Amino acid sequence: MLRGNIELWFAFLTCILISTGYGLVTVLNRGIPAASEFFGHTLGVIGFTLMLMTETLYSIRKRSRTAALGRMSTWLKFHIYMGLVGPFMVLLHTSWKFNGIAGATTLLTIIIVFSGVIGRYIFTRIPRTLDGLEIEGTLSQEALKRARQMMSLWHTIHIPIGIALFISAFVHMGGALYYATFLK
């Protein structure tokens, strides 16, 4: 069980470590770290960077035809790990305030993570080789066809939400820079 879900376990342990650090900062500051302060800002920047890496690097590898970049199964594990840890850090960055564009971005982040969990479930229903290629003949053709259709439908939902999330995040960052930095 641990072997097949290693990325989930690593993500869980990483989130525990991050939570411990967050708790320590909360106790030392006698309050929840503000998103605009150094610790909160750092969480947001690192979390967003992980999310951006999750999307761009996995997409590049997916479209690459060379195996020199590594196995697709490894890249999918990387995608899942970063896709859980990055949003968790961004959630902590919010200081538990969900107003305006930042609140909309947080909502999109939660939706994309939930969508990713659903996609992982659908993906694991299709038998694959270690390189991520579908194995024909292990399921009835009808079940395999249905799983492919579900995966296709999932992609038509997940990808536009991801694009909206990143647009919203860039607008949030632009606004934060403008109002917090350039107007001072």
N, C-alpha and C. Protein backbone atom coordinates (compact mmCIF):
# COMPACT_ATOMS: atom_id res chain seq x y z
N MET A 1 0.83 -1.20 0.00
CA MET A 1 0.00 0.00 0.00
C MET A 1 0.87 1.26 0.00
N LEU A 2 1.91 1.28 0.80
CA LEU A 2 2.76 2.46 0.87
C LEU A 2 3.46 2.70 -0.46
N ARG A 3 3.88 1.62 -1.13
CA ARG A 3 4.62 1.76 -2.38
C ARG A 3 3.79 2.42 -3.48
N GLY A 4 2.52 2.07 -3.57
CA GLY A 4 1.68 2.59 -4.63
C GLY A 4 1.23 4.02 -4.40
N ASN A 5 1.33 4.51 -3.20
CA ASN A 5 0.87 5.86 -2.87
C ASN A 5 1.97 6.70 -2.24
N ILE A 6 3.19 6.45 -2.63
CA ILE A 6 4.33 7.10 -1.98
C ILE A 6 4.25 8.62 -2.05
N GLU A 7 3.76 9.15 -3.17
CA GLU A 7 3.67 10.61 -3.32
C GLU A 7 2.66 11.19 -2.34
N LEU A 8 1.60 10.44 -2.04
CA LEU A 8 0.61 10.91 -1.07
C LEU A 8 1.19 10.93 0.34
N TRP A 9 1.94 9.89 0.67
CA TRP A 9 2.57 9.85 2.00
C TRP A 9 3.61 10.95 2.16
N PHE A 10 4.43 11.16 1.14
CA PHE A 10 5.42 12.24 1.21
C PHE A 10 4.73 13.60 1.31
N ALA A 11 3.65 13.80 0.57
CA ALA A 11 2.91 15.06 0.65
C ALA A 11 2.33 15.25 2.05
N PHE A 12 1.77 14.18 2.60
CA PHE A 12 1.21 14.25 3.95
C PHE A 12 2.28 14.61 4.97
N LEU A 13 3.42 13.94 4.90
CA LEU A 13 4.51 14.22 5.85
C LEU A 13 5.06 15.64 5.67
N THR A 14 5.18 16.09 4.45
CA THR A 14 5.65 17.45 4.19
C THR A 14 4.67 18.47 4.76
N CYS A 15 3.37 18.22 4.58
CA CYS A 15 2.36 19.14 5.13
C CYS A 15 2.38 19.15 6.65
N ILE A 16 2.68 18.00 7.26
CA ILE A 16 2.82 17.94 8.73
C ILE A 16 4.01 18.81 9.16
N LEU A 17 5.13 18.70 8.47
CA LEU A 17 6.31 19.52 8.80
C LEU A 17 6.02 21.01 8.62
N ILE A 18 5.36 21.36 7.52
CA ILE A 18 5.01 22.75 7.28
C ILE A 18 4.05 23.25 8.36
N SER A 19 3.09 22.43 8.73
CA SER A 19 2.13 22.79 9.79
C SER A 19 2.83 23.00 11.12
N THR A 20 3.83 22.19 11.39
CA THR A 20 4.59 22.35 12.63
C THR A 20 5.30 23.70 12.64
N GLY A 21 5.95 24.04 11.53
CA GLY A 21 6.60 25.35 11.43
C GLY A 21 5.60 26.49 11.53
N TYR A 22 4.45 26.32 10.88
CA TYR A 22 3.40 27.34 10.93
C TYR A 22 2.89 27.51 12.37
N GLY A 23 2.70 26.40 13.05
CA GLY A 23 2.26 26.45 14.45
C GLY A 23 3.27 27.14 15.34
N LEU A 24 4.54 26.84 15.10
CA LEU A 24 5.60 27.47 15.89
C LEU A 24 5.62 28.97 15.66
N VAL A 25 5.52 29.41 14.42
CA VAL A 25 5.49 30.85 14.12
C VAL A 25 4.25 31.49 14.74
N THR A 26 3.11 30.78 14.68
CA THR A 26 1.88 31.30 15.28
C THR A 26 2.05 31.51 16.78
N VAL A 27 2.68 30.57 17.45
CA VAL A 27 2.89 30.68 18.90
C VAL A 27 3.88 31.81 19.20
N LEU A 28 4.98 31.87 18.46
CA LEU A 28 5.98 32.90 18.71
C LEU A 28 5.44 34.30 18.44
N ASN A 29 4.60 34.44 17.41
CA ASN A 29 4.02 35.75 17.07
C ASN A 29 2.75 36.05 17.86
N ARG A 30 2.27 35.06 18.59
CA ARG A 30 1.02 35.18 19.35
C ARG A 30 -0.16 35.54 18.45
N GLY A 31 -0.15 34.96 17.27
CA GLY A 31 -1.24 35.18 16.32
C GLY A 31 -0.91 34.56 14.97
N ILE A 32 -1.92 34.45 14.16
CA ILE A 32 -1.76 33.87 12.83
C ILE A 32 -0.90 34.81 11.98
N PRO A 33 0.12 34.26 11.31
CA PRO A 33 0.98 35.11 10.48
C PRO A 33 0.19 35.76 9.35
N ALA A 34 0.36 37.05 9.19
CA ALA A 34 -0.33 37.78 8.12
C ALA A 34 0.27 37.41 6.77
N ALA A 35 -0.56 37.39 5.75
CA ALA A 35 -0.11 37.05 4.40
C ALA A 35 0.95 38.03 3.91
N SER A 36 0.89 39.27 4.37
CA SER A 36 1.81 40.30 3.89
C SER A 36 3.13 40.33 4.67
N GLU A 37 3.21 39.61 5.78
CA GLU A 37 4.46 39.56 6.54
C GLU A 37 5.41 38.54 5.91
N PHE A 38 6.65 38.55 6.35
CA PHE A 38 7.68 37.73 5.72
C PHE A 38 7.31 36.25 5.67
N PHE A 39 6.89 35.68 6.78
CA PHE A 39 6.59 34.24 6.81
C PHE A 39 5.40 33.91 5.91
N GLY A 40 4.33 34.67 6.05
CA GLY A 40 3.13 34.43 5.24
C GLY A 40 3.40 34.64 3.76
N HIS A 41 4.15 35.68 3.46
CA HIS A 41 4.51 35.97 2.07
C HIS A 41 5.38 34.84 1.49
N THR A 42 6.32 34.36 2.27
CA THR A 42 7.20 33.28 1.84
C THR A 42 6.39 32.02 1.55
N LEU A 43 5.42 31.71 2.42
CA LEU A 43 4.56 30.56 2.16
C LEU A 43 3.84 30.69 0.82
N GLY A 44 3.32 31.87 0.56
CA GLY A 44 2.60 32.10 -0.69
C GLY A 44 3.50 31.98 -1.91
N VAL A 45 4.68 32.57 -1.84
CA VAL A 45 5.60 32.53 -2.98
C VAL A 45 6.07 31.11 -3.25
N ILE A 46 6.49 30.40 -2.22
CA ILE A 46 6.95 29.02 -2.41
C ILE A 46 5.80 28.13 -2.87
N GLY A 47 4.64 28.28 -2.24
CA GLY A 47 3.49 27.47 -2.62
C GLY A 47 3.09 27.69 -4.07
N PHE A 48 3.04 28.96 -4.49
CA PHE A 48 2.69 29.25 -5.88
C PHE A 48 3.76 28.72 -6.83
N THR A 49 5.02 28.85 -6.47
CA THR A 49 6.10 28.33 -7.31
C THR A 49 5.96 26.82 -7.49
N LEU A 50 5.64 26.12 -6.40
CA LEU A 50 5.43 24.67 -6.50
C LEU A 50 4.25 24.35 -7.41
N MET A 51 3.18 25.13 -7.29
CA MET A 51 2.01 24.91 -8.14
C MET A 51 2.35 25.18 -9.61
N LEU A 52 3.10 26.22 -9.86
CA LEU A 52 3.49 26.55 -11.23
C LEU A 52 4.40 25.46 -11.80
N MET A 53 5.33 24.98 -10.99
CA MET A 53 6.19 23.87 -11.41
C MET A 53 5.37 22.62 -11.68
N THR A 54 4.38 22.39 -10.83
CA THR A 54 3.51 21.23 -10.99
C THR A 54 2.90 21.22 -12.38
N GLU A 55 2.36 22.35 -12.76
CA GLU A 55 1.65 22.43 -14.04
C GLU A 55 2.60 22.44 -15.22
N THR A 56 3.59 23.30 -15.19
CA THR A 56 4.43 23.47 -16.37
C THR A 56 5.35 22.28 -16.62
N LEU A 57 6.06 21.82 -15.61
CA LEU A 57 7.02 20.74 -15.83
C LEU A 57 6.33 19.43 -16.21
N TYR A 58 5.22 19.12 -15.56
CA TYR A 58 4.48 17.89 -15.89
C TYR A 58 3.91 17.99 -17.31
N SER A 59 3.40 19.15 -17.68
CA SER A 59 2.84 19.32 -19.03
C SER A 59 3.92 19.20 -20.09
N ILE A 60 5.09 19.76 -19.81
CA ILE A 60 6.21 19.66 -20.77
C ILE A 60 6.60 18.19 -20.94
N ARG A 61 6.73 17.47 -19.83
CA ARG A 61 7.11 16.05 -19.92
C ARG A 61 6.04 15.23 -20.63
N LYS A 62 4.80 15.56 -20.38
CA LYS A 62 3.70 14.82 -21.00
C LYS A 62 3.73 14.96 -22.51
N ARG A 63 4.11 16.10 -22.99
CA ARG A 63 4.12 16.35 -24.42
C ARG A 63 5.44 15.97 -25.08
N SER A 64 6.45 15.67 -24.28
CA SER A 64 7.75 15.28 -24.80
C SER A 64 7.72 13.81 -25.22
N ARG A 65 8.35 13.53 -26.31
CA ARG A 65 8.37 12.15 -26.81
C ARG A 65 9.64 11.41 -26.38
N THR A 66 10.52 12.07 -25.69
CA THR A 66 11.77 11.43 -25.31
C THR A 66 11.70 10.88 -23.89
N ALA A 67 12.23 9.71 -23.71
CA ALA A 67 12.24 9.08 -22.39
C ALA A 67 13.41 9.60 -21.56
N ALA A 68 14.28 10.40 -22.16
CA ALA A 68 15.45 10.93 -21.45
C ALA A 68 15.05 11.82 -20.29
N LEU A 69 13.83 12.36 -20.33
CA LEU A 69 13.36 13.23 -19.26
C LEU A 69 12.79 12.45 -18.07
N GLY A 70 12.77 11.13 -18.15
CA GLY A 70 12.28 10.31 -17.05
C GLY A 70 10.95 9.66 -17.38
N ARG A 71 10.57 8.70 -16.53
CA ARG A 71 9.33 7.97 -16.73
C ARG A 71 8.13 8.84 -16.39
N MET A 72 7.05 8.66 -17.13
CA MET A 72 5.82 9.41 -16.88
C MET A 72 5.26 9.13 -15.49
N SER A 73 5.40 7.90 -15.01
CA SER A 73 4.88 7.58 -13.68
C SER A 73 5.58 8.40 -12.60
N THR A 74 6.87 8.61 -12.77
CA THR A 74 7.62 9.44 -11.81
C THR A 74 7.16 10.89 -11.89
N TRP A 75 6.95 11.38 -13.11
CA TRP A 75 6.47 12.76 -13.28
C TRP A 75 5.07 12.93 -12.74
N LEU A 76 4.23 11.91 -12.86
CA LEU A 76 2.88 12.01 -12.30
C LEU A 76 2.95 12.07 -10.78
N LYS A 77 3.84 11.28 -10.18
CA LYS A 77 4.01 11.34 -8.72
C LYS A 77 4.49 12.73 -8.29
N PHE A 78 5.42 13.29 -9.05
CA PHE A 78 5.91 14.65 -8.79
C PHE A 78 4.75 15.64 -8.89
N HIS A 79 3.93 15.49 -9.93
CA HIS A 79 2.77 16.36 -10.15
C HIS A 79 1.80 16.28 -8.96
N ILE A 80 1.53 15.10 -8.49
CA ILE A 80 0.60 14.91 -7.38
C ILE A 80 1.19 15.49 -6.09
N TYR A 81 2.45 15.19 -5.82
CA TYR A 81 3.11 15.70 -4.61
C TYR A 81 3.09 17.22 -4.57
N MET A 82 3.59 17.84 -5.63
CA MET A 82 3.64 19.31 -5.68
C MET A 82 2.25 19.91 -5.73
N GLY A 83 1.30 19.18 -6.35
CA GLY A 83 -0.07 19.65 -6.45
C GLY A 83 -0.83 19.57 -5.13
N LEU A 84 -0.27 18.91 -4.15
CA LEU A 84 -0.85 18.90 -2.81
C LEU A 84 -0.11 19.85 -1.86
N VAL A 85 1.21 19.82 -1.91
CA VAL A 85 2.01 20.63 -0.99
C VAL A 85 1.91 22.12 -1.34
N GLY A 86 2.01 22.47 -2.62
CA GLY A 86 1.93 23.87 -3.04
C GLY A 86 0.62 24.53 -2.61
N PRO A 87 -0.53 23.93 -2.95
CA PRO A 87 -1.80 24.53 -2.52
C PRO A 87 -1.95 24.60 -1.00
N PHE A 88 -1.39 23.63 -0.29
CA PHE A 88 -1.45 23.68 1.18
C PHE A 88 -0.71 24.91 1.69
N MET A 89 0.45 25.17 1.12
CA MET A 89 1.22 26.35 1.53
C MET A 89 0.47 27.63 1.17
N VAL A 90 -0.16 27.66 0.00
CA VAL A 90 -0.94 28.83 -0.41
C VAL A 90 -2.11 29.03 0.54
N LEU A 91 -2.74 27.95 0.97
CA LEU A 91 -3.85 28.05 1.92
C LEU A 91 -3.37 28.67 3.24
N LEU A 92 -2.20 28.25 3.71
CA LEU A 92 -1.66 28.84 4.94
C LEU A 92 -1.29 30.31 4.73
N HIS A 93 -0.88 30.66 3.53
CA HIS A 93 -0.53 32.04 3.18
C HIS A 93 -1.74 32.98 3.36
N THR A 94 -2.95 32.48 3.19
CA THR A 94 -4.15 33.33 3.22
C THR A 94 -4.42 33.96 4.57
N SER A 95 -3.80 33.45 5.62
CA SER A 95 -4.08 33.91 7.00
C SER A 95 -5.56 33.69 7.35
N TRP A 96 -6.18 32.76 6.64
CA TRP A 96 -7.58 32.37 6.86
C TRP A 96 -8.53 33.51 6.57
N LYS A 97 -8.13 34.38 5.61
CA LYS A 97 -8.99 35.46 5.12
C LYS A 97 -9.22 35.22 3.64
N PHE A 98 -10.47 35.25 3.24
CA PHE A 98 -10.83 34.86 1.87
C PHE A 98 -11.64 35.96 1.19
N ASN A 99 -11.07 37.15 1.09
CA ASN A 99 -11.76 38.29 0.51
C ASN A 99 -11.23 38.58 -0.89
N GLY A 100 -12.06 39.16 -1.73
CA GLY A 100 -11.64 39.68 -3.02
C GLY A 100 -11.04 38.65 -3.95
N ILE A 101 -10.08 39.11 -4.76
CA ILE A 101 -9.45 38.24 -5.74
C ILE A 101 -8.65 37.14 -5.06
N ALA A 102 -8.08 37.44 -3.90
CA ALA A 102 -7.34 36.41 -3.16
C ALA A 102 -8.28 35.29 -2.72
N GLY A 103 -9.47 35.64 -2.31
CA GLY A 103 -10.46 34.63 -1.92
C GLY A 103 -10.90 33.80 -3.10
N ALA A 104 -11.09 34.45 -4.26
CA ALA A 104 -11.45 33.71 -5.48
C ALA A 104 -10.33 32.77 -5.89
N THR A 105 -9.09 33.23 -5.76
CA THR A 105 -7.94 32.39 -6.10
C THR A 105 -7.87 31.19 -5.16
N THR A 106 -8.12 31.42 -3.89
CA THR A 106 -8.13 30.32 -2.93
C THR A 106 -9.22 29.31 -3.25
N LEU A 107 -10.40 29.80 -3.60
CA LEU A 107 -11.49 28.91 -3.98
C LEU A 107 -11.12 28.08 -5.21
N LEU A 108 -10.52 28.71 -6.21
CA LEU A 108 -10.08 27.97 -7.39
C LEU A 108 -9.00 26.95 -7.04
N THR A 109 -8.14 27.30 -6.10
CA THR A 109 -7.10 26.37 -5.65
C THR A 109 -7.74 25.13 -5.02
N ILE A 110 -8.71 25.34 -4.16
CA ILE A 110 -9.39 24.22 -3.51
C ILE A 110 -10.11 23.36 -4.55
N ILE A 111 -10.76 24.01 -5.51
CA ILE A 111 -11.47 23.27 -6.56
C ILE A 111 -10.50 22.45 -7.41
N ILE A 112 -9.35 23.03 -7.76
CA ILE A 112 -8.40 22.31 -8.61
C ILE A 112 -7.79 21.12 -7.87
N VAL A 113 -7.55 21.26 -6.57
CA VAL A 113 -7.03 20.13 -5.79
C VAL A 113 -8.08 19.02 -5.72
N PHE A 114 -9.31 19.39 -5.45
CA PHE A 114 -10.39 18.41 -5.40
C PHE A 114 -10.54 17.72 -6.76
N SER A 115 -10.48 18.50 -7.83
CA SER A 115 -10.56 17.94 -9.17
C SER A 115 -9.39 16.99 -9.44
N GLY A 116 -8.21 17.36 -8.96
CA GLY A 116 -7.04 16.50 -9.12
C GLY A 116 -7.18 15.18 -8.42
N VAL A 117 -7.79 15.19 -7.23
CA VAL A 117 -8.04 13.95 -6.50
C VAL A 117 -8.98 13.06 -7.30
N ILE A 118 -10.01 13.65 -7.88
CA ILE A 118 -10.94 12.88 -8.72
C ILE A 118 -10.21 12.33 -9.94
N GLY A 119 -9.38 13.15 -10.57
CA GLY A 119 -8.61 12.70 -11.74
C GLY A 119 -7.67 11.57 -11.40
N ARG A 120 -7.04 11.64 -10.24
CA ARG A 120 -6.14 10.55 -9.83
C ARG A 120 -6.93 9.27 -9.65
N TYR A 121 -8.11 9.36 -9.09
CA TYR A 121 -8.94 8.17 -8.91
C TYR A 121 -9.31 7.56 -10.27
N ILE A 122 -9.73 8.40 -11.20
CA ILE A 122 -10.09 7.91 -12.54
C ILE A 122 -8.86 7.30 -13.22
N PHE A 123 -7.72 7.99 -13.11
CA PHE A 123 -6.48 7.53 -13.75
C PHE A 123 -6.07 6.16 -13.23
N THR A 124 -6.21 5.94 -11.94
CA THR A 124 -5.80 4.65 -11.36
C THR A 124 -6.73 3.51 -11.74
N ARG A 125 -7.90 3.80 -12.28
CA ARG A 125 -8.81 2.75 -12.73
C ARG A 125 -8.38 2.16 -14.06
N ILE A 126 -7.48 2.85 -14.78
CA ILE A 126 -7.02 2.36 -16.07
C ILE A 126 -5.67 1.68 -15.86
N PRO A 127 -5.57 0.39 -16.17
CA PRO A 127 -4.29 -0.31 -15.97
C PRO A 127 -3.21 0.24 -16.90
N ARG A 128 -2.00 0.46 -16.36
CA ARG A 128 -0.92 1.07 -17.12
C ARG A 128 0.40 0.37 -16.85
N THR A 129 1.34 0.58 -17.78
CA THR A 129 2.71 0.11 -17.58
C THR A 129 3.43 1.10 -16.66
N LEU A 130 4.68 0.80 -16.31
CA LEU A 130 5.46 1.72 -15.48
C LEU A 130 5.69 3.06 -16.16
N ASP A 131 5.66 3.09 -17.47
CA ASP A 131 5.84 4.33 -18.21
C ASP A 131 4.55 5.11 -18.38
N GLY A 132 3.43 4.57 -17.88
CA GLY A 132 2.16 5.28 -17.95
C GLY A 132 1.32 4.95 -19.17
N LEU A 133 1.76 3.99 -19.98
CA LEU A 133 1.00 3.61 -21.16
C LEU A 133 -0.13 2.66 -20.77
N GLU A 134 -1.28 2.85 -21.38
CA GLU A 134 -2.43 2.00 -21.08
C GLU A 134 -2.16 0.57 -21.53
N ILE A 135 -2.59 -0.39 -20.69
CA ILE A 135 -2.47 -1.80 -21.03
C ILE A 135 -3.80 -2.26 -21.60
N GLU A 136 -3.76 -2.74 -22.81
CA GLU A 136 -4.98 -3.21 -23.47
C GLU A 136 -5.30 -4.64 -23.01
N GLY A 137 -6.57 -4.97 -22.98
CA GLY A 137 -6.99 -6.35 -22.78
C GLY A 137 -7.15 -6.82 -21.35
N THR A 138 -6.74 -6.02 -20.36
CA THR A 138 -6.88 -6.47 -18.97
C THR A 138 -8.29 -6.22 -18.44
N LEU A 139 -8.93 -5.21 -18.93
CA LEU A 139 -10.32 -4.93 -18.59
C LEU A 139 -11.17 -5.23 -19.81
N SER A 140 -12.43 -5.36 -19.60
CA SER A 140 -13.28 -5.48 -20.77
C SER A 140 -13.17 -4.18 -21.56
N GLN A 141 -13.29 -4.26 -22.86
CA GLN A 141 -13.15 -3.09 -23.72
C GLN A 141 -14.15 -2.00 -23.35
N GLU A 142 -15.37 -2.40 -22.93
CA GLU A 142 -16.39 -1.41 -22.55
C GLU A 142 -15.96 -0.62 -21.32
N ALA A 143 -15.41 -1.33 -20.29
CA ALA A 143 -14.95 -0.62 -19.07
C ALA A 143 -13.79 0.30 -19.37
N LEU A 144 -12.88 -0.14 -20.24
CA LEU A 144 -11.73 0.67 -20.62
C LEU A 144 -12.19 1.90 -21.39
N LYS A 145 -13.16 1.72 -22.30
CA LYS A 145 -13.71 2.83 -23.07
C LYS A 145 -14.37 3.84 -22.14
N ARG A 146 -15.12 3.37 -21.15
CA ARG A 146 -15.79 4.26 -20.20
C ARG A 146 -14.77 5.05 -19.37
N ALA A 147 -13.71 4.38 -18.93
CA ALA A 147 -12.67 5.06 -18.15
C ALA A 147 -11.98 6.14 -18.99
N ARG A 148 -11.71 5.85 -20.26
CA ARG A 148 -11.10 6.85 -21.15
C ARG A 148 -12.03 8.05 -21.35
N GLN A 149 -13.32 7.78 -21.49
CA GLN A 149 -14.29 8.88 -21.65
C GLN A 149 -14.34 9.74 -20.39
N MET A 150 -14.32 9.09 -19.22
CA MET A 150 -14.32 9.84 -17.96
C MET A 150 -13.06 10.69 -17.84
N MET A 151 -11.93 10.11 -18.24
CA MET A 151 -10.67 10.85 -18.17
C MET A 151 -10.70 12.04 -19.12
N SER A 152 -11.26 11.86 -20.30
CA SER A 152 -11.38 12.95 -21.27
C SER A 152 -12.28 14.06 -20.73
N LEU A 153 -13.41 13.68 -20.17
CA LEU A 153 -14.32 14.66 -19.58
C LEU A 153 -13.64 15.39 -18.43
N TRP A 154 -12.92 14.65 -17.61
CA TRP A 154 -12.21 15.26 -16.48
C TRP A 154 -11.21 16.30 -16.99
N HIS A 155 -10.46 15.97 -18.04
CA HIS A 155 -9.50 16.92 -18.60
C HIS A 155 -10.18 18.20 -19.08
N THR A 156 -11.38 18.08 -19.67
CA THR A 156 -12.06 19.27 -20.18
C THR A 156 -12.53 20.18 -19.05
N ILE A 157 -12.58 19.66 -17.84
CA ILE A 157 -12.96 20.46 -16.68
C ILE A 157 -11.72 20.94 -15.93
N HIS A 158 -10.78 20.03 -15.67
CA HIS A 158 -9.61 20.31 -14.85
C HIS A 158 -8.70 21.37 -15.48
N ILE A 159 -8.43 21.26 -16.74
CA ILE A 159 -7.49 22.18 -17.39
C ILE A 159 -8.00 23.62 -17.42
N PRO A 160 -9.26 23.89 -17.81
CA PRO A 160 -9.73 25.29 -17.76
C PRO A 160 -9.76 25.87 -16.35
N ILE A 161 -10.06 25.04 -15.36
CA ILE A 161 -10.04 25.53 -13.97
C ILE A 161 -8.60 25.91 -13.60
N GLY A 162 -7.65 25.09 -14.02
CA GLY A 162 -6.25 25.39 -13.75
C GLY A 162 -5.81 26.69 -14.41
N ILE A 163 -6.24 26.91 -15.64
CA ILE A 163 -5.92 28.16 -16.34
C ILE A 163 -6.53 29.36 -15.60
N ALA A 164 -7.80 29.21 -15.21
CA ALA A 164 -8.45 30.30 -14.46
C ALA A 164 -7.73 30.56 -13.14
N LEU A 165 -7.28 29.49 -12.49
CA LEU A 165 -6.55 29.63 -11.22
C LEU A 165 -5.28 30.45 -11.43
N PHE A 166 -4.50 30.12 -12.46
CA PHE A 166 -3.25 30.84 -12.66
C PHE A 166 -3.47 32.28 -13.10
N ILE A 167 -4.49 32.52 -13.90
CA ILE A 167 -4.82 33.91 -14.26
C ILE A 167 -5.19 34.69 -13.01
N SER A 168 -6.04 34.11 -12.18
CA SER A 168 -6.45 34.75 -10.93
C SER A 168 -5.25 34.99 -10.01
N ALA A 169 -4.35 34.01 -9.94
CA ALA A 169 -3.17 34.16 -9.08
C ALA A 169 -2.27 35.28 -9.57
N PHE A 170 -2.08 35.37 -10.89
CA PHE A 170 -1.24 36.45 -11.43
C PHE A 170 -1.89 37.82 -11.20
N VAL A 171 -3.21 37.90 -11.32
CA VAL A 171 -3.91 39.16 -11.03
C VAL A 171 -3.73 39.51 -9.55
N HIS A 172 -3.86 38.51 -8.68
CA HIS A 172 -3.66 38.73 -7.23
C HIS A 172 -2.25 39.24 -6.96
N MET A 173 -1.25 38.60 -7.57
CA MET A 173 0.13 39.03 -7.34
C MET A 173 0.37 40.44 -7.87
N GLY A 174 -0.20 40.73 -9.05
CA GLY A 174 -0.06 42.08 -9.59
C GLY A 174 -0.68 43.12 -8.68
N GLY A 175 -1.87 42.82 -8.16
CA GLY A 175 -2.53 43.74 -7.23
C GLY A 175 -1.75 43.89 -5.94
N ALA A 176 -1.23 42.78 -5.44
CA ALA A 176 -0.45 42.84 -4.20
C ALA A 176 0.81 43.67 -4.38
N LEU A 177 1.48 43.47 -5.50
CA LEU A 177 2.66 44.28 -5.77
C LEU A 177 2.31 45.75 -5.92
N TYR A 178 1.25 46.03 -6.64
CA TYR A 178 0.87 47.42 -6.87
C TYR A 178 0.48 48.12 -5.57
N TYR A 179 -0.42 47.51 -4.81
CA TYR A 179 -0.94 48.17 -3.61
C TYR A 179 0.01 48.11 -2.42
N ALA A 180 0.76 47.03 -2.29
CA ALA A 180 1.63 46.88 -1.12
C ALA A 180 3.04 47.39 -1.35
N THR A 181 3.46 47.46 -2.59
CA THR A 181 4.85 47.82 -2.84
C THR A 181 4.98 49.14 -3.59
N PHE A 182 4.34 49.24 -4.73
CA PHE A 182 4.54 50.41 -5.58
C PHE A 182 3.87 51.68 -5.06
N LEU A 183 2.81 51.55 -4.29
CA LEU A 183 2.14 52.74 -3.76
C LEU A 183 2.78 53.26 -2.49
N LYS A 184 3.74 52.54 -1.94
CA LYS A 184 4.38 52.99 -0.69
C LYS A 184 5.51 53.93 -0.97
